[in-house]
PDB file of N, CA and C in Angstrom:
ATOM      1  N   MET A   1       1.646  -1.537  -5.498  1.00  0.00           N
ATOM      2  CA  MET A   1       1.616  -2.527  -4.442  1.00  0.00           C
ATOM      3  C   MET A   1       2.998  -3.133  -4.232  1.00  0.00           C
ATOM      4  N   THR A   2       3.761  -3.265  -5.302  1.00  0.00           N
ATOM      5  CA  THR A   2       5.090  -3.847  -5.190  1.00  0.00           C
ATOM      6  C   THR A   2       5.996  -2.984  -4.324  1.00  0.00           C
ATOM      7  N   ILE A   3       5.933  -1.684  -4.516  1.00  0.00           N
ATOM      8  CA  ILE A   3       6.746  -0.765  -3.715  1.00  0.00           C
ATOM      9  C   ILE A   3       6.329  -0.848  -2.258  1.00  0.00           C
ATOM     10  N   ASN A   4       5.045  -0.885  -2.012  1.00  0.00           N
ATOM     11  CA  ASN A   4       4.510  -0.955  -0.660  1.00  0.00           C
ATOM     12  C   ASN A   4       5.004  -2.215   0.052  1.00  0.00           C
ATOM     13  N   VAL A   5       4.901  -3.357  -0.598  1.00  0.00           N
ATOM     14  CA  VAL A   5       5.316  -4.618   0.023  1.00  0.00           C
ATOM     15  C   VAL A   5       6.830  -4.635   0.227  1.00  0.00           C
ATOM     16  N   SER A   6       7.585  -4.066  -0.705  1.00  0.00           N
ATOM     17  CA  SER A   6       9.042  -4.027  -0.565  1.00  0.00           C
ATOM     18  C   SER A   6       9.461  -3.183   0.638  1.00  0.00           C
ATOM     19  N   ILE A   7       8.865  -2.025   0.779  1.00  0.00           N
ATOM     20  CA  ILE A   7       9.175  -1.159   1.925  1.00  0.00           C
ATOM     21  C   ILE A   7       8.752  -1.834   3.224  1.00  0.00           C
ATOM     22  N   SER A   8       7.607  -2.487   3.195  1.00  0.00           N
ATOM     23  CA  SER A   8       7.108  -3.172   4.383  1.00  0.00           C
ATOM     24  C   SER A   8       7.988  -4.350   4.759  1.00  0.00           C
ATOM     25  N   ALA A   9       8.519  -5.056   3.767  1.00  0.00           N
ATOM     26  CA  ALA A   9       9.418  -6.177   4.046  1.00  0.00           C
ATOM     27  C   ALA A   9      10.682  -5.691   4.753  1.00  0.00           C
ATOM     28  N   LEU A  10      11.194  -4.545   4.330  1.00  0.00           N
ATOM     29  CA  LEU A  10      12.349  -3.961   5.020  1.00  0.00           C
ATOM     30  C   LEU A  10      11.997  -3.608   6.468  1.00  0.00           C
ATOM     31  N   ALA A  11      10.805  -3.093   6.661  1.00  0.00           N
ATOM     32  CA  ALA A  11      10.359  -2.767   8.021  1.00  0.00           C
ATOM     33  C   ALA A  11      10.269  -4.030   8.872  1.00  0.00           C
ATOM     34  N   TRP A  12       9.850  -5.138   8.268  1.00  0.00           N
ATOM     35  CA  TRP A  12       9.753  -6.409   9.002  1.00  0.00           C
ATOM     36  C   TRP A  12      11.146  -6.869   9.409  1.00  0.00           C
ATOM     37  N   VAL A  13      12.107  -6.747   8.513  1.00  0.00           N
ATOM     38  CA  VAL A  13      13.474  -7.176   8.806  1.00  0.00           C
ATOM     39  C   VAL A  13      14.080  -6.348   9.935  1.00  0.00           C
ATOM     40  N   PHE A  14      13.895  -5.035   9.883  1.00  0.00           N
ATOM     41  CA  PHE A  14      14.536  -4.165  10.862  1.00  0.00           C
ATOM     42  C   PHE A  14      13.686  -3.862  12.094  1.00  0.00           C
ATOM     43  N   GLY A  15      12.369  -4.025  12.004  1.00  0.00           N
ATOM     44  CA  GLY A  15      11.533  -3.630  13.134  1.00  0.00           C
ATOM     45  C   GLY A  15      10.585  -4.692  13.651  1.00  0.00           C
ATOM     46  N   GLY A  16      10.492  -5.818  12.982  1.00  0.00           N
ATOM     47  CA  GLY A  16       9.601  -6.869  13.434  1.00  0.00           C
ATOM     48  C   GLY A  16       8.236  -6.813  12.754  1.00  0.00           C
ATOM     49  N   PHE A  17       7.408  -7.766  13.117  1.00  0.00           N
ATOM     50  CA  PHE A  17       6.113  -7.923  12.464  1.00  0.00           C
ATOM     51  C   PHE A  17       5.158  -6.780  12.776  1.00  0.00           C
ATOM     52  N   GLU A  18       5.208  -6.245  13.983  1.00  0.00           N
ATOM     53  CA  GLU A  18       4.318  -5.129  14.335  1.00  0.00           C
ATOM     54  C   GLU A  18       4.605  -3.906  13.465  1.00  0.00           C
ATOM     55  N   THR A  19       5.864  -3.624  13.253  1.00  0.00           N
ATOM     56  CA  THR A  19       6.243  -2.503  12.391  1.00  0.00           C
ATOM     57  C   THR A  19       5.798  -2.761  10.960  1.00  0.00           C
ATOM     58  N   PHE A  20       5.950  -3.994  10.507  1.00  0.00           N
ATOM     59  CA  PHE A  20       5.527  -4.382   9.164  1.00  0.00           C
ATOM     60  C   PHE A  20       4.065  -4.044   8.932  1.00  0.00           C
ATOM     61  N   LYS A  21       3.214  -4.359   9.897  1.00  0.00           N
ATOM     62  CA  LYS A  21       1.782  -4.118   9.742  1.00  0.00           C
ATOM     63  C   LYS A  21       1.460  -2.644   9.547  1.00  0.00           C
ATOM     64  N   TYR A  22       2.054  -1.795  10.372  1.00  0.00           N
ATOM     65  CA  TYR A  22       1.763  -0.362  10.261  1.00  0.00           C
ATOM     66  C   TYR A  22       2.322   0.241   8.987  1.00  0.00           C
ATOM     67  N   VAL A  23       3.509  -0.187   8.625  1.00  0.00           N
ATOM     68  CA  VAL A  23       4.116   0.335   7.402  1.00  0.00           C
ATOM     69  C   VAL A  23       3.320  -0.123   6.185  1.00  0.00           C
ATOM     70  N   LEU A  24       2.883  -1.366   6.169  1.00  0.00           N
ATOM     71  CA  LEU A  24       2.114  -1.900   5.048  1.00  0.00           C
ATOM     72  C   LEU A  24       0.820  -1.129   4.847  1.00  0.00           C
ATOM     73  N   ILE A  25       0.127  -0.846   5.923  1.00  0.00           N
ATOM     74  CA  ILE A  25      -1.184  -0.218   5.819  1.00  0.00           C
ATOM     75  C   ILE A  25      -1.077   1.279   5.503  1.00  0.00           C
ATOM     76  N   ILE A  26      -0.161   1.984   6.128  1.00  0.00           N
ATOM     77  CA  ILE A  26      -0.159   3.443   6.005  1.00  0.00           C
ATOM     78  C   ILE A  26       1.052   3.976   5.234  1.00  0.00           C
ATOM     79  N   PHE A  27       2.222   3.803   5.768  1.00  0.00           N
ATOM     80  CA  PHE A  27       3.419   4.452   5.238  1.00  0.00           C
ATOM     81  C   PHE A  27       3.762   3.987   3.827  1.00  0.00           C
ATOM     82  N   GLY A  28       3.707   2.699   3.575  1.00  0.00           N
ATOM     83  CA  GLY A  28       4.048   2.166   2.256  1.00  0.00           C
ATOM     84  C   GLY A  28       3.132   2.686   1.167  1.00  0.00           C
ATOM     85  N   PHE A  29       1.852   2.830   1.470  1.00  0.00           N
ATOM     86  CA  PHE A  29       0.904   3.352   0.488  1.00  0.00           C
ATOM     87  C   PHE A  29       1.265   4.784   0.102  1.00  0.00           C
ATOM     88  N   PHE A  30       1.569   5.604   1.092  1.00  0.00           N
ATOM     89  CA  PHE A  30       1.883   6.997   0.800  1.00  0.00           C
ATOM     90  C   PHE A  30       3.221   7.146   0.079  1.00  0.00           C
ATOM     91  N   ILE A  31       4.176   6.286   0.364  1.00  0.00           N
ATOM     92  CA  ILE A  31       5.434   6.299  -0.383  1.00  0.00           C
ATOM     93  C   ILE A  31       5.170   5.904  -1.836  1.00  0.00           C
ATOM     94  N   SER A  32       4.303   4.929  -2.062  1.00  0.00           N
ATOM     95  CA  SER A  32       3.946   4.532  -3.428  1.00  0.00           C
ATOM     96  C   SER A  32       3.308   5.689  -4.186  1.00  0.00           C
ATOM     97  N   ILE A  33       2.427   6.413  -3.527  1.00  0.00           N
ATOM     98  CA  ILE A  33       1.779   7.582  -4.144  1.00  0.00           C
ATOM     99  C   ILE A  33       2.829   8.645  -4.465  1.00  0.00           C
ATOM    100  N   LEU A  34       3.747   8.874  -3.549  1.00  0.00           N
ATOM    101  CA  LEU A  34       4.794   9.868  -3.771  1.00  0.00           C
ATOM    102  C   LEU A  34       5.658   9.491  -4.981  1.00  0.00           C
ATOM    103  N   ILE A  35       6.050   8.250  -5.082  1.00  0.00           N
ATOM    104  CA  ILE A  35       6.861   7.804  -6.218  1.00  0.00           C
ATOM    105  C   ILE A  35       6.075   7.950  -7.514  1.00  0.00           C
ATOM    106  N   LYS A  36       4.792   7.637  -7.490  1.00  0.00           N
ATOM    107  CA  LYS A  36       3.940   7.796  -8.669  1.00  0.00           C
ATOM    108  C   LYS A  36       3.861   9.270  -9.077  1.00  0.00           C
ATOM    109  N   GLU A  37       3.733  10.153  -8.109  1.00  0.00           N
ATOM    110  CA  GLU A  37       3.656  11.587  -8.398  1.00  0.00           C
ATOM    111  C   GLU A  37       4.942  12.097  -9.038  1.00  0.00           C
ATOM    112  N   VAL A  38       6.072  11.592  -8.597  1.00  0.00           N
ATOM    113  CA  VAL A  38       7.359  12.060  -9.113  1.00  0.00           C
ATOM    114  C   VAL A  38       7.634  11.474 -10.496  1.00  0.00           C
ATOM    115  N   ASN A  39       7.385  10.178 -10.676  1.00  0.00           N
ATOM    116  CA  ASN A  39       7.768   9.496 -11.912  1.00  0.00           C
ATOM    117  C   ASN A  39       6.765   9.610 -13.048  1.00  0.00           C
ATOM    118  N   ALA A  40       5.491   9.601 -12.751  1.00  0.00           N
ATOM    119  CA  ALA A  40       4.475   9.580 -13.818  1.00  0.00           C
ATOM    120  C   ALA A  40       3.332  10.529 -13.478  1.00  0.00           C
ATOM    121  N   LYS A  41       3.646  11.780 -13.377  1.00  0.00           N
ATOM    122  CA  LYS A  41       2.641  12.772 -12.980  1.00  0.00           C
ATOM    123  C   LYS A  41       1.482  12.859 -13.980  1.00  0.00           C
ATOM    124  N   ASN A  42       1.744  12.649 -15.258  1.00  0.00           N
ATOM    125  CA  ASN A  42       0.697  12.735 -16.272  1.00  0.00           C
ATOM    126  C   ASN A  42      -0.071  11.427 -16.443  1.00  0.00           C
ATOM    127  N   GLY A  43       0.192  10.457 -15.637  1.00  0.00           N
ATOM    128  CA  GLY A  43      -0.477   9.169 -15.737  1.00  0.00           C
ATOM    129  C   GLY A  43      -1.929   9.192 -15.273  1.00  0.00           C
ATOM    130  N   TYR A  44      -2.377  10.294 -14.720  1.00  0.00           N
ATOM    131  CA  TYR A  44      -3.750  10.397 -14.225  1.00  0.00           C
ATOM    132  C   TYR A  44      -4.734  10.844 -15.299  1.00  0.00           C
ATOM    133  N   LEU A  45      -4.242  11.121 -16.472  1.00  0.00           N
ATOM    134  CA  LEU A  45      -5.084  11.627 -17.542  1.00  0.00           C
ATOM    135  C   LEU A  45      -6.226  10.673 -17.874  1.00  0.00           C
ATOM    136  N   PHE A  46      -5.951   9.365 -17.894  1.00  0.00           N
ATOM    137  CA  PHE A  46      -6.980   8.365 -18.171  1.00  0.00           C
ATOM    138  C   PHE A  46      -8.120   8.452 -17.162  1.00  0.00           C
ATOM    139  N   TYR A  47      -7.790   8.548 -15.887  1.00  0.00           N
ATOM    140  CA  TYR A  47      -8.819   8.620 -14.849  1.00  0.00           C
ATOM    141  C   TYR A  47      -9.591   9.929 -14.921  1.00  0.00           C
ATOM    142  N   TYR A  48      -8.869  11.015 -15.181  1.00  0.00           N
ATOM    143  CA  TYR A  48      -9.511  12.323 -15.280  1.00  0.00           C
ATOM    144  C   TYR A  48     -10.501  12.355 -16.430  1.00  0.00           C
ATOM    145  N   ASN A  49     -10.136  11.755 -17.552  1.00  0.00           N
ATOM    146  CA  ASN A  49     -11.033  11.712 -18.703  1.00  0.00           C
ATOM    147  C   ASN A  49     -12.269  10.855 -18.441  1.00  0.00           C
ATOM    148  N   ASN A  50     -12.189   9.944 -17.504  1.00  0.00           N
ATOM    149  CA  ASN A  50     -13.334   9.104 -17.147  1.00  0.00           C
ATOM    150  C   ASN A  50     -14.112   9.649 -15.952  1.00  0.00           C
ATOM    151  N   GLY A  51     -13.840  10.868 -15.567  1.00  0.00           N
ATOM    152  CA  GLY A  51     -14.618  11.523 -14.507  1.00  0.00           C
ATOM    153  C   GLY A  51     -14.203  11.165 -13.100  1.00  0.00           C
ATOM    154  N   ILE A  52     -13.009  10.642 -12.910  1.00  0.00           N
ATOM    155  CA  ILE A  52     -12.538  10.288 -11.580  1.00  0.00           C
ATOM    156  C   ILE A  52     -11.464  11.298 -11.173  1.00  0.00           C
ATOM    157  N   SER A  53     -11.700  11.978 -10.074  1.00  0.00           N
ATOM    158  CA  SER A  53     -10.723  12.973  -9.617  1.00  0.00           C
ATOM    159  C   SER A  53      -9.533  12.275  -8.956  1.00  0.00           C
ATOM    160  N   LYS A  54      -8.475  13.007  -8.797  1.00  0.00           N
ATOM    161  CA  LYS A  54      -7.276  12.464  -8.162  1.00  0.00           C
ATOM    162  C   LYS A  54      -7.573  12.083  -6.707  1.00  0.00           C
ATOM    163  N   MET A  55      -8.371  12.901  -6.029  1.00  0.00           N
ATOM    164  CA  MET A  55      -8.709  12.611  -4.636  1.00  0.00           C
ATOM    165  C   MET A  55      -9.541  11.334  -4.521  1.00  0.00           C
ATOM    166  N   GLN A  56     -10.501  11.155  -5.419  1.00  0.00           N
ATOM    167  CA  GLN A  56     -11.297   9.919  -5.416  1.00  0.00           C
ATOM    168  C   GLN A  56     -10.396   8.712  -5.662  1.00  0.00           C
ATOM    169  N   LEU A  57      -9.456   8.847  -6.565  1.00  0.00           N
ATOM    170  CA  LEU A  57      -8.533   7.766  -6.865  1.00  0.00           C
ATOM    171  C   LEU A  57      -7.670   7.431  -5.654  1.00  0.00           C
ATOM    172  N   PHE A  58      -7.176   8.440  -4.953  1.00  0.00           N
ATOM    173  CA  PHE A  58      -6.360   8.208  -3.764  1.00  0.00           C
ATOM    174  C   PHE A  58      -7.161   7.543  -2.650  1.00  0.00           C
ATOM    175  N   VAL A  59      -8.382   8.022  -2.418  1.00  0.00           N
ATOM    176  CA  VAL A  59      -9.216   7.450  -1.357  1.00  0.00           C
ATOM    177  C   VAL A  59      -9.564   6.001  -1.674  1.00  0.00           C
ATOM    178  N   TYR A  60      -9.987   5.737  -2.891  1.00  0.00           N
ATOM    179  CA  TYR A  60     -10.315   4.368  -3.289  1.00  0.00           C
ATOM    180  C   TYR A  60      -9.068   3.471  -3.209  1.00  0.00           C
ATOM    181  N   GLY A  61      -7.938   4.005  -3.646  1.00  0.00           N
ATOM    182  CA  GLY A  61      -6.690   3.245  -3.576  1.00  0.00           C
ATOM    183  C   GLY A  61      -6.310   2.929  -2.145  1.00  0.00           C
ATOM    184  N   PHE A  62      -6.471   3.908  -1.241  1.00  0.00           N
ATOM    185  CA  PHE A  62      -6.155   3.663   0.164  1.00  0.00           C
ATOM    186  C   PHE A  62      -7.082   2.618   0.764  1.00  0.00           C
ATOM    187  N   LEU A  63      -8.366   2.701   0.444  1.00  0.00           N
ATOM    188  CA  LEU A  63      -9.316   1.711   0.975  1.00  0.00           C
ATOM    189  C   LEU A  63      -9.001   0.304   0.467  1.00  0.00           C
ATOM    190  N   MET A  64      -8.671   0.197  -0.811  1.00  0.00           N
ATOM    191  CA  MET A  64      -8.311  -1.121  -1.352  1.00  0.00           C
ATOM    192  C   MET A  64      -7.005  -1.617  -0.735  1.00  0.00           C
ATOM    193  N   ASN A  65      -6.047  -0.721  -0.543  1.00  0.00           N
ATOM    194  CA  ASN A  65      -4.796  -1.088   0.113  1.00  0.00           C
ATOM    195  C   ASN A  65      -5.073  -1.581   1.531  1.00  0.00           C
ATOM    196  N   PHE A  66      -5.970  -0.909   2.232  1.00  0.00           N
ATOM    197  CA  PHE A  66      -6.308  -1.299   3.597  1.00  0.00           C
ATOM    198  C   PHE A  66      -6.904  -2.697   3.626  1.00  0.00           C
ATOM    199  N   VAL A  67      -7.848  -2.974   2.731  1.00  0.00           N
ATOM    200  CA  VAL A  67      -8.502  -4.291   2.700  1.00  0.00           C
ATOM    201  C   VAL A  67      -7.494  -5.392   2.375  1.00  0.00           C
ATOM    202  N   PHE A  68      -6.707  -5.199   1.326  1.00  0.00           N
ATOM    203  CA  PHE A  68      -5.742  -6.231   0.945  1.00  0.00           C
ATOM    204  C   PHE A  68      -4.635  -6.382   1.980  1.00  0.00           C
ATOM    205  N   SER A  69      -4.244  -5.295   2.618  1.00  0.00           N
ATOM    206  CA  SER A  69      -3.224  -5.371   3.671  1.00  0.00           C
ATOM    207  C   SER A  69      -3.747  -6.162   4.862  1.00  0.00           C
ATOM    208  N   MET A  70      -4.989  -5.913   5.240  1.00  0.00           N
ATOM    209  CA  MET A  70      -5.562  -6.661   6.358  1.00  0.00           C
ATOM    210  C   MET A  70      -5.656  -8.150   6.034  1.00  0.00           C
ATOM    211  N   LEU A  71      -6.024  -8.478   4.803  1.00  0.00           N
ATOM    212  CA  LEU A  71      -6.074  -9.885   4.406  1.00  0.00           C
ATOM    213  C   LEU A  71      -4.683 -10.516   4.435  1.00  0.00           C
ATOM    214  N   LEU A  72      -3.682  -9.793   3.943  1.00  0.00           N
ATOM    215  CA  LEU A  72      -2.310 -10.306   3.955  1.00  0.00           C
ATOM    216  C   LEU A  72      -1.825 -10.500   5.386  1.00  0.00           C
ATOM    217  N   ILE A  73      -2.101  -9.555   6.261  1.00  0.00           N
ATOM    218  CA  ILE A  73      -1.704  -9.670   7.664  1.00  0.00           C
ATOM    219  C   ILE A  73      -2.406 -10.858   8.317  1.00  0.00           C
ATOM    220  N   LEU A  74      -3.665 -11.067   7.998  1.00  0.00           N
ATOM    221  CA  LEU A  74      -4.406 -12.215   8.535  1.00  0.00           C
ATOM    222  C   LEU A  74      -3.773 -13.526   8.086  1.00  0.00           C
ATOM    223  N   VAL A  75      -3.444 -13.629   6.814  1.00  0.00           N
ATOM    224  CA  VAL A  75      -2.815 -14.850   6.290  1.00  0.00           C
ATOM    225  C   VAL A  75      -1.460 -15.085   6.958  1.00  0.00           C
ATOM    226  N   ILE A  76      -0.680 -14.028   7.117  1.00  0.00           N
ATOM    227  CA  ILE A  76       0.631 -14.176   7.775  1.00  0.00           C
ATOM    228  C   ILE A  76       0.467 -14.579   9.228  1.00  0.00           C
ATOM    229  N   ASN A  77      -0.493 -13.988   9.931  1.00  0.00           N
ATOM    230  CA  ASN A  77      -0.746 -14.361  11.330  1.00  0.00           C
ATOM    231  C   ASN A  77      -1.130 -15.823  11.444  1.00  0.00           C
ATOM    232  N   VAL A  78      -1.989 -16.295  10.566  1.00  0.00           N
ATOM    233  CA  VAL A  78      -2.395 -17.709  10.583  1.00  0.00           C
ATOM    234  C   VAL A  78      -1.185 -18.589  10.287  1.00  0.00           C
ATOM    235  N   GLY A  79      -0.382 -18.191   9.304  1.00  0.00           N
ATOM    236  CA  GLY A  79       0.816 -18.964   8.975  1.00  0.00           C
ATOM    237  C   GLY A  79       1.799 -19.035  10.124  1.00  0.00           C
ATOM    238  N   ILE A  80       1.975 -17.936  10.854  1.00  0.00           N
ATOM    239  CA  ILE A  80       2.887 -17.918  11.999  1.00  0.00           C
ATOM    240  C   ILE A  80       2.366 -18.809  13.112  1.00  0.00           C
ATOM    241  N   LYS A  81       1.066 -18.791  13.322  1.00  0.00           N
ATOM    242  CA  LYS A  81       0.482 -19.611  14.406  1.00  0.00           C
ATOM    243  C   LYS A  81       0.559 -21.103  14.086  1.00  0.00           C
ATOM    244  N   LEU A  82       0.519 -21.447  12.801  1.00  0.00           N
ATOM    245  CA  LEU A  82       0.577 -22.851  12.415  1.00  0.00           C
ATOM    246  C   LEU A  82       1.986 -23.421  12.526  1.00  0.00           C
ATOM    247  N   VAL A  83       2.966 -22.557  12.459  1.00  0.00           N
ATOM    248  CA  VAL A  83       4.374 -23.025  12.525  1.00  0.00           C
ATOM    249  C   VAL A  83       4.765 -23.131  13.943  1.00  0.00           C
TER     250      VAL A  83
END
């Protein structure tokens, strides 16, 4: 999540809030997955031993990222409207 928010913050600086939203929800998540694949490829062993496939983990991770991203965007929108 830290990588995702960092990449999204850069998108906000260079592209505005609309770009931030799309990057946060889609692009940042996939960049985080890519970095995880490169740096800690064997880190999935725990999930595999518990019967969770890599695809299930990615789908669940994307859905959770989507929910938390939407909540964060909602909070930021409310904060912007209050200022």
